[in-house]
N, C-alpha and C. Protein backbone atom coordinates (compact mmCIF):
# COMPACT_ATOMS: atom_id res chain seq x y z
N UNK A 1 54.75 -63.07 -69.53
CA UNK A 1 55.24 -61.72 -69.80
C UNK A 1 56.49 -61.76 -70.68
N UNK A 2 57.31 -62.78 -70.50
CA UNK A 2 58.54 -62.88 -71.27
C UNK A 2 58.29 -62.87 -72.78
N UNK A 3 57.31 -63.63 -73.30
CA UNK A 3 57.06 -63.58 -74.76
C UNK A 3 56.63 -62.19 -75.24
N UNK A 4 55.86 -61.48 -74.41
CA UNK A 4 55.44 -60.13 -74.78
C UNK A 4 56.65 -59.21 -74.88
N UNK A 5 57.54 -59.31 -73.90
CA UNK A 5 58.75 -58.48 -73.94
C UNK A 5 59.61 -58.81 -75.15
N UNK A 6 59.78 -60.10 -75.44
CA UNK A 6 60.57 -60.48 -76.61
C UNK A 6 59.95 -59.95 -77.90
N UNK A 7 58.64 -60.05 -78.02
CA UNK A 7 57.97 -59.54 -79.22
C UNK A 7 58.15 -58.03 -79.34
N UNK A 8 58.05 -57.32 -78.24
CA UNK A 8 58.23 -55.88 -78.26
C UNK A 8 59.68 -55.52 -78.58
N UNK A 9 60.62 -56.23 -77.99
CA UNK A 9 62.04 -55.97 -78.27
C UNK A 9 62.34 -56.21 -79.75
N UNK A 10 61.83 -57.30 -80.30
CA UNK A 10 62.06 -57.59 -81.73
C UNK A 10 61.42 -56.52 -82.61
N UNK A 11 60.22 -56.09 -82.24
CA UNK A 11 59.54 -55.04 -83.01
C UNK A 11 60.34 -53.74 -82.98
N UNK A 12 60.86 -53.40 -81.82
CA UNK A 12 61.66 -52.18 -81.71
C UNK A 12 62.91 -52.25 -82.58
N UNK A 13 63.54 -53.42 -82.60
CA UNK A 13 64.73 -53.59 -83.46
C UNK A 13 64.34 -53.40 -84.92
N UNK A 14 63.21 -53.98 -85.32
CA UNK A 14 62.76 -53.88 -86.71
C UNK A 14 62.34 -52.46 -87.10
N UNK A 15 62.01 -51.65 -86.12
CA UNK A 15 61.67 -50.25 -86.39
C UNK A 15 62.93 -49.38 -86.40
N UNK A 16 63.78 -49.55 -85.39
CA UNK A 16 64.91 -48.64 -85.20
C UNK A 16 66.06 -48.87 -86.18
N UNK A 17 66.42 -50.12 -86.41
CA UNK A 17 67.61 -50.40 -87.22
C UNK A 17 67.46 -49.94 -88.67
N UNK A 18 66.38 -50.30 -89.36
CA UNK A 18 66.28 -49.83 -90.76
C UNK A 18 66.30 -48.31 -90.88
N UNK A 19 65.63 -47.62 -89.98
CA UNK A 19 65.61 -46.15 -90.03
C UNK A 19 67.01 -45.59 -89.79
N UNK A 20 67.72 -46.13 -88.80
CA UNK A 20 69.07 -45.64 -88.49
C UNK A 20 70.03 -45.92 -89.63
N UNK A 21 69.95 -47.11 -90.19
CA UNK A 21 70.85 -47.46 -91.29
C UNK A 21 70.57 -46.59 -92.51
N UNK A 22 69.30 -46.37 -92.80
CA UNK A 22 68.95 -45.51 -93.94
C UNK A 22 69.52 -44.11 -93.77
N UNK A 23 69.36 -43.55 -92.57
CA UNK A 23 69.88 -42.19 -92.33
C UNK A 23 71.40 -42.15 -92.44
N UNK A 24 72.06 -43.20 -92.00
CA UNK A 24 73.53 -43.20 -91.99
C UNK A 24 74.11 -43.50 -93.36
N UNK A 25 73.51 -44.42 -94.08
CA UNK A 25 74.09 -44.90 -95.34
C UNK A 25 73.57 -44.12 -96.54
N UNK A 26 72.31 -43.76 -96.51
CA UNK A 26 71.69 -43.06 -97.65
C UNK A 26 71.29 -41.65 -97.21
N UNK A 27 72.26 -40.86 -96.88
CA UNK A 27 72.02 -39.53 -96.32
C UNK A 27 71.16 -38.67 -97.25
N UNK A 28 71.52 -38.62 -98.53
CA UNK A 28 70.76 -37.79 -99.48
C UNK A 28 69.32 -38.26 -99.61
N UNK A 29 69.12 -39.57 -99.65
CA UNK A 29 67.77 -40.13 -99.70
C UNK A 29 66.99 -39.74 -98.45
N UNK A 30 67.63 -39.87 -97.30
CA UNK A 30 66.97 -39.53 -96.04
C UNK A 30 66.62 -38.04 -95.99
N UNK A 31 67.52 -37.20 -96.50
CA UNK A 31 67.26 -35.76 -96.52
C UNK A 31 66.03 -35.41 -97.35
N UNK A 32 65.84 -36.14 -98.45
CA UNK A 32 64.68 -35.89 -99.31
C UNK A 32 63.39 -36.38 -98.67
N UNK A 33 63.46 -37.48 -97.93
CA UNK A 33 62.27 -38.09 -97.34
C UNK A 33 61.90 -37.50 -95.99
N UNK A 34 62.89 -37.02 -95.25
CA UNK A 34 62.65 -36.52 -93.90
C UNK A 34 63.27 -35.13 -93.78
N UNK A 35 62.43 -34.12 -93.74
CA UNK A 35 62.90 -32.73 -93.74
C UNK A 35 63.83 -32.43 -92.56
N UNK A 36 63.58 -33.06 -91.43
CA UNK A 36 64.37 -32.78 -90.23
C UNK A 36 65.82 -33.20 -90.39
N UNK A 37 66.12 -34.15 -91.25
CA UNK A 37 67.49 -34.64 -91.41
C UNK A 37 68.42 -33.51 -91.83
N UNK A 38 67.94 -32.62 -92.68
CA UNK A 38 68.77 -31.51 -93.15
C UNK A 38 69.05 -30.50 -92.03
N UNK A 39 68.25 -30.53 -90.96
CA UNK A 39 68.43 -29.59 -89.85
C UNK A 39 69.45 -30.07 -88.83
N UNK A 40 69.96 -31.28 -89.01
CA UNK A 40 70.89 -31.87 -88.05
C UNK A 40 72.25 -32.04 -88.74
N UNK A 41 73.34 -31.65 -88.08
CA UNK A 41 74.66 -31.88 -88.69
C UNK A 41 74.86 -33.38 -88.98
N UNK A 42 75.47 -33.64 -90.10
CA UNK A 42 75.63 -35.04 -90.52
C UNK A 42 76.39 -35.86 -89.48
N UNK A 43 77.40 -35.27 -88.85
CA UNK A 43 78.15 -36.02 -87.84
C UNK A 43 77.26 -36.41 -86.67
N UNK A 44 76.36 -35.52 -86.26
CA UNK A 44 75.42 -35.85 -85.19
C UNK A 44 74.45 -36.93 -85.64
N UNK A 45 73.99 -36.84 -86.87
CA UNK A 45 73.09 -37.84 -87.41
C UNK A 45 73.75 -39.22 -87.43
N UNK A 46 75.02 -39.27 -87.81
CA UNK A 46 75.76 -40.54 -87.82
C UNK A 46 75.92 -41.08 -86.41
N UNK A 47 76.19 -40.20 -85.46
CA UNK A 47 76.32 -40.61 -84.05
C UNK A 47 75.00 -41.19 -83.53
N UNK A 48 73.90 -40.48 -83.80
CA UNK A 48 72.60 -40.96 -83.36
C UNK A 48 72.27 -42.30 -83.99
N UNK A 49 72.54 -42.41 -85.29
CA UNK A 49 72.25 -43.67 -85.99
C UNK A 49 73.07 -44.82 -85.42
N UNK A 50 74.34 -44.58 -85.15
CA UNK A 50 75.19 -45.63 -84.57
C UNK A 50 74.70 -46.00 -83.17
N UNK A 51 74.31 -45.00 -82.38
CA UNK A 51 73.80 -45.27 -81.04
C UNK A 51 72.51 -46.09 -81.10
N UNK A 52 71.66 -45.79 -82.08
CA UNK A 52 70.42 -46.55 -82.21
C UNK A 52 70.68 -48.00 -82.63
N UNK A 53 71.60 -48.21 -83.53
CA UNK A 53 71.92 -49.58 -83.96
C UNK A 53 72.53 -50.36 -82.79
N UNK A 54 73.48 -49.75 -82.09
CA UNK A 54 74.08 -50.43 -80.95
C UNK A 54 73.06 -50.69 -79.85
N UNK A 55 72.18 -49.73 -79.60
CA UNK A 55 71.13 -49.92 -78.61
C UNK A 55 70.18 -51.03 -79.01
N UNK A 56 69.84 -51.10 -80.28
CA UNK A 56 68.95 -52.16 -80.75
C UNK A 56 69.60 -53.53 -80.57
N UNK A 57 70.89 -53.61 -80.84
CA UNK A 57 71.62 -54.87 -80.61
C UNK A 57 71.55 -55.21 -79.12
N UNK A 58 71.69 -54.20 -78.28
CA UNK A 58 71.63 -54.41 -76.84
C UNK A 58 70.26 -54.83 -76.34
N UNK A 59 69.22 -54.58 -77.12
CA UNK A 59 67.88 -55.01 -76.74
C UNK A 59 67.71 -56.52 -76.86
N UNK A 60 68.44 -57.14 -77.80
CA UNK A 60 68.20 -58.56 -78.05
C UNK A 60 69.40 -59.48 -77.82
N UNK A 61 70.59 -59.02 -78.10
CA UNK A 61 71.75 -59.90 -78.04
C UNK A 61 72.01 -60.49 -76.65
N UNK A 62 71.98 -59.71 -75.58
CA UNK A 62 72.23 -60.32 -74.26
C UNK A 62 71.27 -61.47 -73.95
N UNK A 63 70.01 -61.31 -74.29
CA UNK A 63 69.04 -62.36 -74.03
C UNK A 63 69.23 -63.57 -74.92
N UNK A 64 69.69 -63.35 -76.13
CA UNK A 64 69.91 -64.47 -77.05
C UNK A 64 71.09 -65.33 -76.64
N UNK A 65 72.15 -64.69 -76.13
CA UNK A 65 73.35 -65.44 -75.76
C UNK A 65 73.43 -65.68 -74.25
N UNK A 66 72.45 -65.16 -73.50
CA UNK A 66 72.39 -65.35 -72.04
C UNK A 66 73.65 -64.86 -71.33
N UNK A 67 74.14 -63.72 -71.77
CA UNK A 67 75.32 -63.09 -71.18
C UNK A 67 75.00 -61.61 -70.93
N UNK A 68 75.38 -61.11 -69.77
CA UNK A 68 75.21 -59.69 -69.43
C UNK A 68 73.77 -59.21 -69.65
N UNK A 69 72.83 -59.93 -69.07
CA UNK A 69 71.42 -59.62 -69.26
C UNK A 69 71.04 -58.23 -68.76
N UNK A 70 71.83 -57.68 -67.85
CA UNK A 70 71.55 -56.33 -67.33
C UNK A 70 71.73 -55.26 -68.41
N UNK A 71 72.35 -55.61 -69.52
CA UNK A 71 72.53 -54.63 -70.60
C UNK A 71 71.23 -54.33 -71.34
N UNK A 72 70.30 -55.27 -71.34
CA UNK A 72 69.04 -55.05 -72.07
C UNK A 72 68.25 -53.87 -71.51
N UNK A 73 67.98 -53.80 -70.20
CA UNK A 73 67.26 -52.60 -69.72
C UNK A 73 68.07 -51.32 -69.88
N UNK A 74 69.39 -51.43 -69.79
CA UNK A 74 70.22 -50.23 -70.01
C UNK A 74 70.13 -49.76 -71.46
N UNK A 75 70.11 -50.71 -72.38
CA UNK A 75 69.96 -50.35 -73.80
C UNK A 75 68.59 -49.70 -74.03
N UNK A 76 67.56 -50.27 -73.40
CA UNK A 76 66.22 -49.70 -73.55
C UNK A 76 66.17 -48.27 -72.99
N UNK A 77 66.80 -48.05 -71.85
CA UNK A 77 66.81 -46.70 -71.28
C UNK A 77 67.62 -45.73 -72.13
N UNK A 78 68.74 -46.19 -72.67
CA UNK A 78 69.54 -45.34 -73.55
C UNK A 78 68.77 -44.96 -74.81
N UNK A 79 68.10 -45.94 -75.40
CA UNK A 79 67.28 -45.65 -76.58
C UNK A 79 66.10 -44.75 -76.20
N UNK A 80 65.58 -44.95 -75.00
CA UNK A 80 64.50 -44.08 -74.52
C UNK A 80 64.95 -42.63 -74.41
N UNK A 81 66.18 -42.43 -73.94
CA UNK A 81 66.72 -41.07 -73.87
C UNK A 81 66.82 -40.45 -75.26
N UNK A 82 67.26 -41.24 -76.23
CA UNK A 82 67.32 -40.74 -77.62
C UNK A 82 65.92 -40.34 -78.08
N UNK A 83 64.92 -41.17 -77.77
CA UNK A 83 63.56 -40.86 -78.19
C UNK A 83 63.01 -39.62 -77.48
N UNK A 84 63.36 -39.44 -76.22
CA UNK A 84 62.93 -38.24 -75.49
C UNK A 84 63.53 -36.99 -76.13
N UNK A 85 64.81 -37.04 -76.43
CA UNK A 85 65.46 -35.90 -77.08
C UNK A 85 64.89 -35.66 -78.48
N UNK A 86 64.60 -36.74 -79.19
CA UNK A 86 64.00 -36.60 -80.52
C UNK A 86 62.60 -35.97 -80.41
N UNK A 87 61.85 -36.39 -79.39
CA UNK A 87 60.53 -35.80 -79.16
C UNK A 87 60.64 -34.29 -78.97
N UNK A 88 61.57 -33.86 -78.11
CA UNK A 88 61.74 -32.43 -77.86
C UNK A 88 62.17 -31.69 -79.12
N UNK A 89 63.05 -32.30 -79.90
CA UNK A 89 63.51 -31.71 -81.16
C UNK A 89 62.34 -31.54 -82.13
N UNK A 90 61.57 -32.61 -82.33
CA UNK A 90 60.47 -32.54 -83.29
C UNK A 90 59.36 -31.61 -82.80
N UNK A 91 59.13 -31.58 -81.50
CA UNK A 91 58.13 -30.65 -80.97
C UNK A 91 58.54 -29.20 -81.21
N UNK A 92 59.84 -28.92 -81.06
CA UNK A 92 60.32 -27.55 -81.29
C UNK A 92 60.17 -27.15 -82.76
N UNK A 93 60.14 -28.14 -83.64
CA UNK A 93 59.97 -27.88 -85.07
C UNK A 93 58.50 -28.02 -85.51
N UNK A 94 57.61 -28.22 -84.55
CA UNK A 94 56.17 -28.37 -84.82
C UNK A 94 55.90 -29.55 -85.74
N UNK A 95 56.63 -30.64 -85.55
CA UNK A 95 56.44 -31.86 -86.32
C UNK A 95 55.71 -32.88 -85.42
N UNK A 96 54.41 -32.65 -85.29
CA UNK A 96 53.63 -33.44 -84.32
C UNK A 96 53.60 -34.92 -84.65
N UNK A 97 53.60 -35.27 -85.91
CA UNK A 97 53.57 -36.70 -86.27
C UNK A 97 54.85 -37.40 -85.79
N UNK A 98 55.99 -36.78 -86.05
CA UNK A 98 57.26 -37.36 -85.60
C UNK A 98 57.34 -37.39 -84.08
N UNK A 99 56.90 -36.30 -83.45
CA UNK A 99 56.94 -36.23 -81.99
C UNK A 99 56.06 -37.32 -81.37
N UNK A 100 54.91 -37.56 -81.95
CA UNK A 100 54.03 -38.61 -81.45
C UNK A 100 54.67 -39.98 -81.59
N UNK A 101 55.32 -40.22 -82.71
CA UNK A 101 56.01 -41.50 -82.92
C UNK A 101 57.12 -41.67 -81.88
N UNK A 102 57.83 -40.59 -81.58
CA UNK A 102 58.88 -40.66 -80.57
C UNK A 102 58.31 -41.00 -79.19
N UNK A 103 57.17 -40.43 -78.85
CA UNK A 103 56.54 -40.74 -77.56
C UNK A 103 56.10 -42.20 -77.49
N UNK A 104 55.58 -42.71 -78.59
CA UNK A 104 55.16 -44.11 -78.63
C UNK A 104 56.37 -45.04 -78.45
N UNK A 105 57.46 -44.75 -79.15
CA UNK A 105 58.68 -45.54 -79.00
C UNK A 105 59.24 -45.42 -77.58
N UNK A 106 59.20 -44.22 -77.03
CA UNK A 106 59.66 -44.01 -75.66
C UNK A 106 58.86 -44.87 -74.68
N UNK A 107 57.56 -44.88 -74.83
CA UNK A 107 56.71 -45.69 -73.94
C UNK A 107 57.05 -47.17 -74.07
N UNK A 108 57.26 -47.64 -75.28
CA UNK A 108 57.60 -49.05 -75.49
C UNK A 108 58.96 -49.38 -74.87
N UNK A 109 59.91 -48.47 -75.00
CA UNK A 109 61.24 -48.70 -74.44
C UNK A 109 61.22 -48.68 -72.92
N UNK A 110 60.44 -47.80 -72.33
CA UNK A 110 60.32 -47.77 -70.87
C UNK A 110 59.65 -49.07 -70.39
N UNK A 111 58.66 -49.54 -71.13
CA UNK A 111 58.00 -50.80 -70.79
C UNK A 111 59.01 -51.95 -70.81
N UNK A 112 59.85 -51.99 -71.84
CA UNK A 112 60.88 -53.03 -71.93
C UNK A 112 61.85 -52.91 -70.76
N UNK A 113 62.30 -51.70 -70.48
CA UNK A 113 63.27 -51.50 -69.39
C UNK A 113 62.69 -51.97 -68.06
N UNK A 114 61.48 -51.57 -67.75
CA UNK A 114 60.85 -51.99 -66.49
C UNK A 114 60.61 -53.49 -66.50
N UNK A 115 60.14 -53.98 -67.62
CA UNK A 115 59.88 -55.41 -67.72
C UNK A 115 61.12 -56.24 -67.51
N UNK A 116 62.23 -55.81 -68.08
CA UNK A 116 63.48 -56.58 -67.95
C UNK A 116 64.19 -56.34 -66.61
N UNK A 117 63.88 -55.24 -65.97
CA UNK A 117 64.46 -54.98 -64.64
C UNK A 117 63.67 -55.66 -63.53
N UNK A 118 62.34 -55.63 -63.63
CA UNK A 118 61.50 -56.02 -62.51
C UNK A 118 60.70 -57.29 -62.78
N UNK A 119 60.00 -57.34 -63.89
CA UNK A 119 59.03 -58.40 -64.13
C UNK A 119 59.69 -59.70 -64.62
N UNK A 120 60.50 -59.60 -65.63
CA UNK A 120 61.09 -60.79 -66.25
C UNK A 120 62.55 -60.53 -66.61
N UNK A 121 63.41 -60.46 -65.59
CA UNK A 121 64.82 -60.12 -65.86
C UNK A 121 65.55 -61.15 -66.71
């Protein structure tokens, strides 16, 4: 189970970090590519992006350095909360594709959290 969790954690990092960095660093580009970005205050977008990057680091760094391993499931749950809120936001805007992606990420993050709490801490 441990290799599956590691693969999922790495995949989540590869999905979340580039998207968060793009939104934070290339705001105008993100606004053109993602209509919802213009509906969110830039300060909130920067906060969300920073939280996603820090959460992604929390998914892998504790396990890599074997320190504070309890942070990994907490990071997964925190990122899951972001995905739940994003799902509700996109659903309210009738953006079913984005909402579906948020649900998929949420499910993966809950799987990681449970896996790191119970199955393979």
